[in-house]
Amino acid sequence: MADEQNLDTQTQDQAAGAASVDDVIARVQVLEEQLAAAQDQSLRVAADLQNVRRRAEQDVEKAHKFALEKFAGDLLPIIDSLERGLELSNPDDESIRPMREGIELTLKMFQDTLKRYQLEAIDPHGEPFNAEHHQAMAMQESADVEPNSVLKVFQKGYQLHGRLLRPAMVVVSKAVSPVRPSIDEQA
C-alpha cells in the first residue's frame, strides 16, 4: 500500500509538473507577445519623436527664412514710389538732375539691401504670362508679340526666398481679331 501511495503521489507530481510546464510555456508565449508589442510601440514612439523633431526644425527654419515677409511687403510701396519718381521725371532736365541722381542711388541701395535678404523682383516684360507669378490687369490686342505675352508691367512682383510675396501686375497680349465688315459693307 505504501508503494501504491508513492506511485499515486509520483503520478500526481508528474501530472502537476506537466501542467506546470504547460502553464510556464503559455506564460512565456504571453510574455514574448507582450515584449514584441512593447518593442513595436517603442519603435513607433521613437519614430513619432523623430518626426516631431524634424517638423519643429522645419518650422524654425521657415520662421527664420520668412520672418521678414510682412516687413518686406510693407517696404514694396516705397520701392514702387522711387521707381515711379524716376519714370515720371525727365532725365534731360538739368534742374532736377541732382534729385534724380539721389533717387537712383537710394533705389540702388534699397534694391541691393533687399537682394541680400533674398527678396527678388519679378519684372516679366516680354515673357509669357504665368498665372502663378503675374496678375493680369488687362488684355490688349497686339500683332507684334505672341498671344498671352506680357506687354506692360504696371507694378513689379516680388519673391522672398522663392515664395511669392506680391504678383506682378501686367497687361497681357491677345491675338488680333479679324476685321469683320459692317452691315453696310455687306450689302
N, C-alpha and C. Protein backbone atom coordinates (compact mmCIF):
# COMPACT_ATOMS: atom_id res chain seq x y z
N MET A 1 0.79 -1.17 0.00
CA MET A 1 0.00 0.00 0.00
C MET A 1 0.85 1.26 0.00
N ALA A 2 1.93 1.18 0.63
CA ALA A 2 2.83 2.32 0.65
C ALA A 2 3.37 2.56 -0.74
N ASP A 3 3.57 1.44 -1.47
CA ASP A 3 4.06 1.60 -2.84
C ASP A 3 2.99 2.25 -3.72
N GLU A 4 1.76 1.86 -3.44
CA GLU A 4 0.66 2.47 -4.22
C GLU A 4 0.54 3.95 -3.92
N GLN A 5 0.71 4.29 -2.66
CA GLN A 5 0.63 5.71 -2.32
C GLN A 5 1.79 6.49 -2.94
N ASN A 6 2.98 5.90 -2.93
CA ASN A 6 4.14 6.53 -3.56
C ASN A 6 3.89 6.70 -5.07
N LEU A 7 3.32 5.66 -5.68
CA LEU A 7 3.03 5.70 -7.10
C LEU A 7 1.97 6.77 -7.41
N ASP A 8 0.92 6.85 -6.58
CA ASP A 8 -0.11 7.88 -6.77
C ASP A 8 0.50 9.27 -6.59
N THR A 9 1.36 9.41 -5.60
CA THR A 9 1.99 10.70 -5.35
C THR A 9 2.89 11.07 -6.52
N GLN A 10 3.63 10.11 -7.03
CA GLN A 10 4.51 10.38 -8.18
C GLN A 10 3.67 10.75 -9.41
N THR A 11 2.59 10.04 -9.63
CA THR A 11 1.72 10.32 -10.77
C THR A 11 1.12 11.72 -10.64
N GLN A 12 0.72 12.03 -9.41
CA GLN A 12 0.15 13.36 -9.18
C GLN A 12 1.23 14.43 -9.37
N ASP A 13 2.43 14.14 -8.91
CA ASP A 13 3.53 15.11 -9.09
C ASP A 13 3.86 15.28 -10.57
N GLN A 14 3.85 14.19 -11.31
CA GLN A 14 4.14 14.27 -12.75
C GLN A 14 3.03 15.05 -13.48
N ALA A 15 1.81 14.77 -13.08
CA ALA A 15 0.68 15.47 -13.71
C ALA A 15 0.76 16.96 -13.37
N ALA A 16 1.09 17.24 -12.12
CA ALA A 16 1.22 18.64 -11.71
C ALA A 16 2.41 19.28 -12.43
N GLY A 17 3.49 18.53 -12.60
CA GLY A 17 4.67 19.04 -13.29
C GLY A 17 4.37 19.31 -14.76
N ALA A 18 3.61 18.39 -15.38
CA ALA A 18 3.25 18.57 -16.79
C ALA A 18 2.35 19.80 -16.94
N ALA A 19 1.40 19.95 -16.01
CA ALA A 19 0.52 21.12 -16.05
C ALA A 19 1.33 22.37 -15.80
N SER A 20 2.29 22.28 -14.91
CA SER A 20 3.13 23.41 -14.58
C SER A 20 3.98 23.82 -15.79
N VAL A 21 4.53 22.87 -16.55
CA VAL A 21 5.35 23.14 -17.72
C VAL A 21 4.48 23.81 -18.80
N ASP A 22 3.26 23.28 -18.99
CA ASP A 22 2.34 23.87 -19.97
C ASP A 22 1.99 25.31 -19.58
N ASP A 23 1.78 25.53 -18.28
CA ASP A 23 1.50 26.88 -17.80
C ASP A 23 2.69 27.81 -18.04
N VAL A 24 3.89 27.30 -17.79
CA VAL A 24 5.09 28.11 -17.99
C VAL A 24 5.26 28.44 -19.47
N ILE A 25 5.04 27.47 -20.33
CA ILE A 25 5.18 27.70 -21.78
C ILE A 25 4.15 28.73 -22.23
N ALA A 26 2.92 28.58 -21.78
CA ALA A 26 1.87 29.54 -22.14
C ALA A 26 2.23 30.93 -21.62
N ARG A 27 2.72 30.98 -20.40
CA ARG A 27 3.09 32.26 -19.81
C ARG A 27 4.25 32.90 -20.58
N VAL A 28 5.25 32.09 -21.01
CA VAL A 28 6.38 32.60 -21.79
C VAL A 28 5.88 33.16 -23.13
N GLN A 29 4.93 32.45 -23.77
CA GLN A 29 4.39 32.94 -25.04
C GLN A 29 3.67 34.28 -24.86
N VAL A 30 2.90 34.38 -23.78
CA VAL A 30 2.19 35.64 -23.49
C VAL A 30 3.20 36.75 -23.25
N LEU A 31 4.23 36.46 -22.48
CA LEU A 31 5.25 37.47 -22.20
C LEU A 31 6.03 37.86 -23.46
N GLU A 32 6.31 36.88 -24.34
CA GLU A 32 7.00 37.20 -25.59
C GLU A 32 6.13 38.10 -26.48
N GLU A 33 4.83 37.83 -26.53
CA GLU A 33 3.92 38.68 -27.31
C GLU A 33 3.86 40.09 -26.73
N GLN A 34 3.82 40.17 -25.40
CA GLN A 34 3.80 41.48 -24.76
C GLN A 34 5.10 42.23 -25.02
N LEU A 35 6.22 41.51 -25.00
CA LEU A 35 7.52 42.12 -25.28
C LEU A 35 7.57 42.63 -26.72
N ALA A 36 7.09 41.83 -27.67
CA ALA A 36 7.07 42.25 -29.07
C ALA A 36 6.19 43.49 -29.24
N ALA A 37 5.04 43.51 -28.59
CA ALA A 37 4.15 44.67 -28.68
C ALA A 37 4.81 45.90 -28.07
N ALA A 38 5.48 45.72 -26.94
CA ALA A 38 6.16 46.84 -26.28
C ALA A 38 7.31 47.36 -27.16
N GLN A 39 8.05 46.45 -27.80
CA GLN A 39 9.14 46.87 -28.69
C GLN A 39 8.58 47.63 -29.90
N ASP A 40 7.47 47.13 -30.46
CA ASP A 40 6.83 47.80 -31.59
C ASP A 40 6.37 49.20 -31.17
N GLN A 41 5.74 49.29 -30.02
CA GLN A 41 5.27 50.58 -29.52
C GLN A 41 6.45 51.53 -29.28
N SER A 42 7.53 50.99 -28.76
CA SER A 42 8.73 51.79 -28.52
C SER A 42 9.29 52.35 -29.84
N LEU A 43 9.31 51.50 -30.88
CA LEU A 43 9.79 51.96 -32.19
C LEU A 43 8.87 53.04 -32.76
N ARG A 44 7.56 52.87 -32.59
CA ARG A 44 6.61 53.87 -33.09
C ARG A 44 6.79 55.21 -32.35
N VAL A 45 6.96 55.14 -31.05
CA VAL A 45 7.16 56.37 -30.27
C VAL A 45 8.45 57.06 -30.70
N ALA A 46 9.51 56.27 -30.93
CA ALA A 46 10.79 56.85 -31.37
C ALA A 46 10.62 57.50 -32.75
N ALA A 47 9.88 56.85 -33.66
CA ALA A 47 9.64 57.42 -34.99
C ALA A 47 8.80 58.68 -34.89
N ASP A 48 7.77 58.67 -34.05
CA ASP A 48 6.94 59.86 -33.86
C ASP A 48 7.78 61.01 -33.30
N LEU A 49 8.64 60.71 -32.35
CA LEU A 49 9.50 61.73 -31.77
C LEU A 49 10.44 62.32 -32.82
N GLN A 50 10.99 61.45 -33.67
CA GLN A 50 11.86 61.93 -34.74
C GLN A 50 11.09 62.81 -35.72
N ASN A 51 9.86 62.42 -36.05
CA ASN A 51 9.03 63.24 -36.96
C ASN A 51 8.70 64.59 -36.34
N VAL A 52 8.37 64.61 -35.05
CA VAL A 52 8.07 65.87 -34.36
C VAL A 52 9.31 66.76 -34.35
N ARG A 53 10.45 66.18 -34.09
CA ARG A 53 11.70 66.94 -34.06
C ARG A 53 12.00 67.53 -35.44
N ARG A 54 11.82 66.71 -36.49
CA ARG A 54 12.08 67.16 -37.86
C ARG A 54 11.12 68.29 -38.25
N ARG A 55 9.81 68.14 -37.90
CA ARG A 55 8.85 69.19 -38.21
C ARG A 55 9.17 70.48 -37.46
N ALA A 56 9.59 70.35 -36.21
CA ALA A 56 9.94 71.54 -35.43
C ALA A 56 11.15 72.24 -36.05
N GLU A 57 12.14 71.47 -36.51
CA GLU A 57 13.30 72.08 -37.17
C GLU A 57 12.89 72.79 -38.45
N GLN A 58 11.98 72.17 -39.23
CA GLN A 58 11.50 72.81 -40.46
C GLN A 58 10.73 74.08 -40.14
N ASP A 59 9.90 74.05 -39.09
CA ASP A 59 9.15 75.24 -38.71
C ASP A 59 10.08 76.37 -38.29
N VAL A 60 11.12 76.05 -37.55
CA VAL A 60 12.08 77.07 -37.12
C VAL A 60 12.82 77.62 -38.34
N GLU A 61 13.19 76.73 -39.27
CA GLU A 61 13.88 77.17 -40.49
C GLU A 61 12.98 78.10 -41.30
N LYS A 62 11.71 77.73 -41.45
CA LYS A 62 10.77 78.60 -42.19
C LYS A 62 10.56 79.92 -41.47
N ALA A 63 10.48 79.88 -40.15
CA ALA A 63 10.29 81.11 -39.39
C ALA A 63 11.47 82.05 -39.60
N HIS A 64 12.69 81.51 -39.61
CA HIS A 64 13.87 82.35 -39.87
C HIS A 64 13.85 82.87 -41.30
N LYS A 65 13.50 81.98 -42.23
CA LYS A 65 13.55 82.31 -43.65
C LYS A 65 12.52 83.36 -44.02
N PHE A 66 11.32 83.27 -43.46
CA PHE A 66 10.23 84.15 -43.87
C PHE A 66 9.83 85.16 -42.79
N ALA A 67 10.70 85.38 -41.83
CA ALA A 67 10.40 86.33 -40.76
C ALA A 67 10.25 87.75 -41.32
N LEU A 68 10.92 88.02 -42.40
CA LEU A 68 10.89 89.36 -42.98
C LEU A 68 9.73 89.56 -43.96
N GLU A 69 8.89 88.56 -44.14
CA GLU A 69 7.85 88.61 -45.17
C GLU A 69 6.94 89.83 -45.01
N LYS A 70 6.39 90.05 -43.84
CA LYS A 70 5.48 91.17 -43.63
C LYS A 70 6.24 92.50 -43.75
N PHE A 71 7.40 92.56 -43.14
CA PHE A 71 8.21 93.78 -43.20
C PHE A 71 8.58 94.12 -44.64
N ALA A 72 9.02 93.11 -45.39
CA ALA A 72 9.39 93.33 -46.79
C ALA A 72 8.18 93.77 -47.60
N GLY A 73 7.03 93.16 -47.34
CA GLY A 73 5.81 93.56 -48.04
C GLY A 73 5.44 95.00 -47.78
N ASP A 74 5.71 95.48 -46.57
CA ASP A 74 5.42 96.87 -46.24
C ASP A 74 6.39 97.84 -46.92
N LEU A 75 7.58 97.35 -47.30
CA LEU A 75 8.58 98.21 -47.95
C LEU A 75 8.37 98.33 -49.45
N LEU A 76 7.64 97.39 -50.04
CA LEU A 76 7.49 97.39 -51.50
C LEU A 76 6.86 98.68 -52.06
N PRO A 77 5.87 99.28 -51.41
CA PRO A 77 5.33 100.54 -51.95
C PRO A 77 6.39 101.66 -52.00
N ILE A 78 7.37 101.61 -51.14
CA ILE A 78 8.43 102.62 -51.15
C ILE A 78 9.28 102.45 -52.42
N ILE A 79 9.62 101.21 -52.73
CA ILE A 79 10.37 100.95 -53.96
C ILE A 79 9.55 101.40 -55.17
N ASP A 80 8.25 101.05 -55.15
CA ASP A 80 7.37 101.46 -56.25
C ASP A 80 7.39 102.98 -56.42
N SER A 81 7.33 103.70 -55.32
CA SER A 81 7.33 105.18 -55.39
C SER A 81 8.63 105.72 -55.94
N LEU A 82 9.75 105.15 -55.52
CA LEU A 82 11.05 105.60 -56.05
C LEU A 82 11.14 105.33 -57.55
N GLU A 83 10.71 104.14 -57.98
CA GLU A 83 10.75 103.82 -59.41
C GLU A 83 9.80 104.72 -60.20
N ARG A 84 8.62 104.97 -59.65
CA ARG A 84 7.65 105.84 -60.33
C ARG A 84 8.22 107.27 -60.45
N GLY A 85 8.89 107.74 -59.41
CA GLY A 85 9.51 109.07 -59.46
C GLY A 85 10.53 109.17 -60.57
N LEU A 86 11.32 108.11 -60.76
CA LEU A 86 12.31 108.12 -61.84
C LEU A 86 11.63 108.07 -63.21
N GLU A 87 10.56 107.30 -63.32
CA GLU A 87 9.84 107.20 -64.59
C GLU A 87 9.24 108.54 -65.00
N LEU A 88 8.70 109.26 -64.04
CA LEU A 88 7.97 110.49 -64.35
C LEU A 88 8.87 111.72 -64.47
N SER A 89 10.10 111.62 -64.01
CA SER A 89 10.99 112.78 -64.10
C SER A 89 11.79 112.71 -65.40
N ASN A 90 12.08 113.88 -65.94
CA ASN A 90 12.80 113.98 -67.21
C ASN A 90 14.31 113.90 -66.94
N PRO A 91 14.98 112.90 -67.50
CA PRO A 91 16.43 112.78 -67.24
C PRO A 91 17.23 113.91 -67.89
N ASP A 92 16.66 114.62 -68.85
CA ASP A 92 17.38 115.71 -69.53
C ASP A 92 17.22 117.05 -68.82
N ASP A 93 16.34 117.13 -67.84
CA ASP A 93 16.09 118.40 -67.13
C ASP A 93 17.22 118.63 -66.12
N GLU A 94 18.03 119.63 -66.39
CA GLU A 94 19.19 119.93 -65.54
C GLU A 94 18.79 120.36 -64.13
N SER A 95 17.63 120.96 -63.98
CA SER A 95 17.23 121.46 -62.66
C SER A 95 16.89 120.32 -61.68
N ILE A 96 16.53 119.18 -62.21
CA ILE A 96 16.20 118.06 -61.30
C ILE A 96 17.22 116.93 -61.38
N ARG A 97 18.30 117.13 -62.11
CA ARG A 97 19.31 116.08 -62.24
C ARG A 97 19.87 115.63 -60.88
N PRO A 98 20.21 116.55 -59.97
CA PRO A 98 20.72 116.10 -58.65
C PRO A 98 19.67 115.28 -57.88
N MET A 99 18.41 115.68 -57.99
CA MET A 99 17.36 114.92 -57.31
C MET A 99 17.23 113.52 -57.92
N ARG A 100 17.26 113.43 -59.24
CA ARG A 100 17.19 112.12 -59.92
C ARG A 100 18.35 111.23 -59.50
N GLU A 101 19.55 111.80 -59.44
CA GLU A 101 20.71 111.01 -59.05
C GLU A 101 20.55 110.50 -57.62
N GLY A 102 20.02 111.34 -56.76
CA GLY A 102 19.77 110.91 -55.38
C GLY A 102 18.74 109.80 -55.31
N ILE A 103 17.69 109.92 -56.09
CA ILE A 103 16.66 108.86 -56.12
C ILE A 103 17.26 107.57 -56.67
N GLU A 104 18.06 107.68 -57.73
CA GLU A 104 18.68 106.49 -58.32
C GLU A 104 19.59 105.78 -57.31
N LEU A 105 20.41 106.56 -56.60
CA LEU A 105 21.30 105.97 -55.59
C LEU A 105 20.52 105.33 -54.45
N THR A 106 19.47 106.02 -54.00
CA THR A 106 18.64 105.49 -52.92
C THR A 106 17.98 104.19 -53.36
N LEU A 107 17.44 104.18 -54.57
CA LEU A 107 16.79 102.98 -55.10
C LEU A 107 17.79 101.83 -55.24
N LYS A 108 18.99 102.12 -55.73
CA LYS A 108 20.01 101.07 -55.87
C LYS A 108 20.39 100.49 -54.50
N MET A 109 20.59 101.34 -53.51
CA MET A 109 20.92 100.85 -52.16
C MET A 109 19.79 99.99 -51.62
N PHE A 110 18.58 100.44 -51.84
CA PHE A 110 17.40 99.71 -51.38
C PHE A 110 17.33 98.33 -52.05
N GLN A 111 17.52 98.29 -53.36
CA GLN A 111 17.47 97.03 -54.09
C GLN A 111 18.60 96.09 -53.67
N ASP A 112 19.80 96.63 -53.47
CA ASP A 112 20.93 95.81 -53.02
C ASP A 112 20.65 95.21 -51.64
N THR A 113 20.07 95.99 -50.77
CA THR A 113 19.74 95.50 -49.43
C THR A 113 18.71 94.38 -49.51
N LEU A 114 17.70 94.57 -50.35
CA LEU A 114 16.67 93.54 -50.49
C LEU A 114 17.24 92.25 -51.07
N LYS A 115 18.18 92.36 -52.00
CA LYS A 115 18.82 91.17 -52.58
C LYS A 115 19.59 90.39 -51.52
N ARG A 116 20.23 91.10 -50.59
CA ARG A 116 20.96 90.41 -49.52
C ARG A 116 20.04 89.54 -48.67
N TYR A 117 18.77 89.92 -48.60
CA TYR A 117 17.79 89.17 -47.82
C TYR A 117 16.90 88.30 -48.70
N GLN A 118 17.39 87.99 -49.92
CA GLN A 118 16.73 87.09 -50.86
C GLN A 118 15.37 87.57 -51.32
N LEU A 119 15.16 88.88 -51.39
CA LEU A 119 13.93 89.45 -51.94
C LEU A 119 14.24 89.83 -53.39
N GLU A 120 13.57 89.15 -54.32
CA GLU A 120 13.87 89.33 -55.73
C GLU A 120 12.67 89.90 -56.47
N ALA A 121 12.95 90.83 -57.39
CA ALA A 121 11.89 91.44 -58.20
C ALA A 121 11.48 90.49 -59.33
N ILE A 122 10.20 90.56 -59.68
CA ILE A 122 9.67 89.84 -60.83
C ILE A 122 9.26 90.91 -61.84
N ASP A 123 10.03 91.05 -62.92
CA ASP A 123 9.75 92.03 -63.96
C ASP A 123 9.59 91.24 -65.27
N PRO A 124 8.37 90.80 -65.58
CA PRO A 124 8.17 89.84 -66.67
C PRO A 124 7.94 90.44 -68.06
N HIS A 125 8.35 91.68 -68.31
CA HIS A 125 8.09 92.32 -69.60
C HIS A 125 8.59 91.44 -70.75
N GLY A 126 7.68 91.11 -71.67
CA GLY A 126 8.03 90.30 -72.84
C GLY A 126 7.98 88.80 -72.61
N GLU A 127 7.81 88.37 -71.39
CA GLU A 127 7.77 86.94 -71.08
C GLU A 127 6.34 86.41 -71.23
N PRO A 128 6.18 85.09 -71.34
CA PRO A 128 4.83 84.52 -71.35
C PRO A 128 4.14 84.75 -70.01
N PHE A 129 2.83 84.95 -70.06
CA PHE A 129 2.05 85.17 -68.85
C PHE A 129 2.08 83.91 -67.99
N ASN A 130 2.32 84.07 -66.69
CA ASN A 130 2.36 82.97 -65.73
C ASN A 130 1.42 83.33 -64.58
N ALA A 131 0.31 82.65 -64.51
CA ALA A 131 -0.71 82.98 -63.50
C ALA A 131 -0.21 82.79 -62.08
N GLU A 132 0.85 82.03 -61.88
CA GLU A 132 1.39 81.82 -60.54
C GLU A 132 2.17 83.04 -60.05
N HIS A 133 2.73 83.82 -60.98
CA HIS A 133 3.56 84.97 -60.59
C HIS A 133 3.04 86.31 -61.10
N HIS A 134 2.05 86.27 -61.98
CA HIS A 134 1.54 87.50 -62.59
C HIS A 134 0.05 87.64 -62.35
N GLN A 135 -0.39 88.88 -62.26
CA GLN A 135 -1.82 89.18 -62.16
C GLN A 135 -2.18 90.03 -63.36
N ALA A 136 -3.04 89.49 -64.23
CA ALA A 136 -3.43 90.22 -65.44
C ALA A 136 -4.41 91.32 -65.07
N MET A 137 -4.06 92.55 -65.38
CA MET A 137 -4.92 93.69 -65.10
C MET A 137 -5.76 94.04 -66.33
N ALA A 138 -5.25 93.71 -67.51
CA ALA A 138 -5.96 93.99 -68.75
C ALA A 138 -5.39 93.12 -69.86
N MET A 139 -6.16 93.02 -70.95
CA MET A 139 -5.67 92.34 -72.15
C MET A 139 -5.71 93.35 -73.29
N GLN A 140 -4.74 93.24 -74.17
CA GLN A 140 -4.64 94.20 -75.26
C GLN A 140 -4.24 93.44 -76.53
N GLU A 141 -4.90 93.77 -77.63
CA GLU A 141 -4.54 93.14 -78.90
C GLU A 141 -3.16 93.62 -79.34
N SER A 142 -2.39 92.68 -79.87
CA SER A 142 -1.06 93.03 -80.35
C SER A 142 -0.66 92.05 -81.45
N ALA A 143 -0.26 92.61 -82.58
CA ALA A 143 0.22 91.77 -83.68
C ALA A 143 1.73 91.56 -83.58
N ASP A 144 2.39 92.31 -82.69
CA ASP A 144 3.85 92.26 -82.59
C ASP A 144 4.38 91.12 -81.73
N VAL A 145 3.59 90.65 -80.77
CA VAL A 145 4.07 89.60 -79.86
C VAL A 145 3.08 88.44 -79.84
N GLU A 146 3.54 87.33 -79.35
CA GLU A 146 2.71 86.14 -79.22
C GLU A 146 1.54 86.41 -78.27
N PRO A 147 0.39 85.79 -78.49
CA PRO A 147 -0.71 85.91 -77.52
C PRO A 147 -0.26 85.38 -76.16
N ASN A 148 -0.82 85.95 -75.10
CA ASN A 148 -0.51 85.59 -73.71
C ASN A 148 0.91 85.96 -73.30
N SER A 149 1.45 86.99 -73.92
CA SER A 149 2.75 87.53 -73.50
C SER A 149 2.50 88.81 -72.71
N VAL A 150 3.43 89.14 -71.84
CA VAL A 150 3.31 90.36 -71.04
C VAL A 150 3.75 91.54 -71.89
N LEU A 151 2.81 92.47 -72.13
CA LEU A 151 3.11 93.66 -72.92
C LEU A 151 3.65 94.79 -72.05
N LYS A 152 3.06 94.94 -70.87
CA LYS A 152 3.43 96.05 -70.00
C LYS A 152 3.35 95.59 -68.55
N VAL A 153 4.23 96.13 -67.73
CA VAL A 153 4.22 95.82 -66.30
C VAL A 153 3.78 97.08 -65.56
N PHE A 154 2.61 97.02 -64.93
CA PHE A 154 2.14 98.16 -64.12
C PHE A 154 2.93 98.24 -62.83
N GLN A 155 3.17 97.07 -62.23
CA GLN A 155 3.84 97.02 -60.93
C GLN A 155 4.61 95.70 -60.87
N LYS A 156 5.89 95.79 -60.51
CA LYS A 156 6.71 94.59 -60.39
C LYS A 156 6.19 93.71 -59.27
N GLY A 157 6.42 92.43 -59.44
CA GLY A 157 6.12 91.48 -58.38
C GLY A 157 7.40 91.19 -57.61
N TYR A 158 7.26 90.51 -56.47
CA TYR A 158 8.43 90.18 -55.66
C TYR A 158 8.28 88.79 -55.05
N GLN A 159 9.44 88.12 -54.91
CA GLN A 159 9.52 86.83 -54.24
C GLN A 159 10.51 86.94 -53.09
N LEU A 160 10.20 86.25 -51.99
CA LEU A 160 11.10 86.16 -50.85
C LEU A 160 11.48 84.70 -50.69
N HIS A 161 12.76 84.38 -50.91
CA HIS A 161 13.25 83.01 -50.85
C HIS A 161 12.42 82.10 -51.75
N GLY A 162 12.04 82.59 -52.92
CA GLY A 162 11.28 81.77 -53.87
C GLY A 162 9.79 81.74 -53.62
N ARG A 163 9.32 82.28 -52.52
CA ARG A 163 7.88 82.32 -52.22
C ARG A 163 7.33 83.66 -52.70
N LEU A 164 6.21 83.60 -53.42
CA LEU A 164 5.61 84.81 -53.97
C LEU A 164 5.14 85.72 -52.85
N LEU A 165 5.64 86.94 -52.86
CA LEU A 165 5.25 87.95 -51.88
C LEU A 165 4.16 88.85 -52.47
N ARG A 166 4.34 89.20 -53.74
CA ARG A 166 3.36 90.03 -54.44
C ARG A 166 3.46 89.70 -55.93
N PRO A 167 2.33 89.42 -56.59
CA PRO A 167 2.39 89.13 -58.03
C PRO A 167 2.65 90.41 -58.84
N ALA A 168 3.25 90.25 -59.99
CA ALA A 168 3.45 91.37 -60.91
C ALA A 168 2.11 91.69 -61.57
N MET A 169 1.75 92.96 -61.60
CA MET A 169 0.50 93.38 -62.25
C MET A 169 0.83 93.77 -63.67
N VAL A 170 0.20 93.08 -64.64
CA VAL A 170 0.62 93.18 -66.02
C VAL A 170 -0.54 93.34 -66.99
N VAL A 171 -0.20 93.79 -68.21
CA VAL A 171 -1.12 93.79 -69.35
C VAL A 171 -0.67 92.64 -70.23
N VAL A 172 -1.63 91.80 -70.64
CA VAL A 172 -1.32 90.60 -71.41
C VAL A 172 -1.81 90.78 -72.85
N SER A 173 -1.02 90.28 -73.79
CA SER A 173 -1.40 90.39 -75.21
C SER A 173 -2.43 89.33 -75.56
N LYS A 174 -3.26 89.69 -76.53
CA LYS A 174 -4.18 88.70 -77.09
C LYS A 174 -4.10 88.82 -78.60
N ALA A 175 -4.57 87.81 -79.29
CA ALA A 175 -4.50 87.79 -80.75
C ALA A 175 -5.37 88.90 -81.32
N VAL A 176 -4.93 89.42 -82.43
CA VAL A 176 -5.69 90.47 -83.11
C VAL A 176 -6.91 89.82 -83.75
N SER A 177 -8.08 90.40 -83.49
CA SER A 177 -9.32 89.88 -84.07
C SER A 177 -9.39 90.26 -85.53
N PRO A 178 -9.88 89.33 -86.35
CA PRO A 178 -10.04 89.69 -87.77
C PRO A 178 -11.11 90.77 -87.89
N VAL A 179 -10.91 91.65 -88.82
CA VAL A 179 -11.85 92.75 -89.03
C VAL A 179 -13.08 92.21 -89.73
N ARG A 180 -14.23 92.42 -89.11
CA ARG A 180 -15.48 91.98 -89.71
C ARG A 180 -16.11 93.17 -90.46
N PRO A 181 -16.61 92.92 -91.63
CA PRO A 181 -17.25 94.02 -92.35
C PRO A 181 -18.53 94.44 -91.65
N SER A 182 -18.80 95.73 -91.70
CA SER A 182 -20.02 96.23 -91.08
C SER A 182 -21.22 95.83 -91.91
N ILE A 183 -22.39 96.02 -91.39
CA ILE A 183 -23.63 95.65 -92.07
C ILE A 183 -23.76 96.42 -93.38
N ASP A 184 -23.37 97.69 -93.40
CA ASP A 184 -23.46 98.50 -94.62
C ASP A 184 -22.53 97.96 -95.71
N GLU A 185 -21.33 97.48 -95.29
CA GLU A 185 -20.37 96.97 -96.27
C GLU A 185 -20.81 95.65 -96.85
N GLN A 186 -21.58 94.86 -96.12
CA GLN A 186 -22.03 93.56 -96.61
C GLN A 186 -23.08 93.72 -97.70
N ALA A 187 -23.85 94.79 -97.66
CA ALA A 187 -24.97 94.95 -98.60
C ALA A 187 -24.52 95.37 -99.96
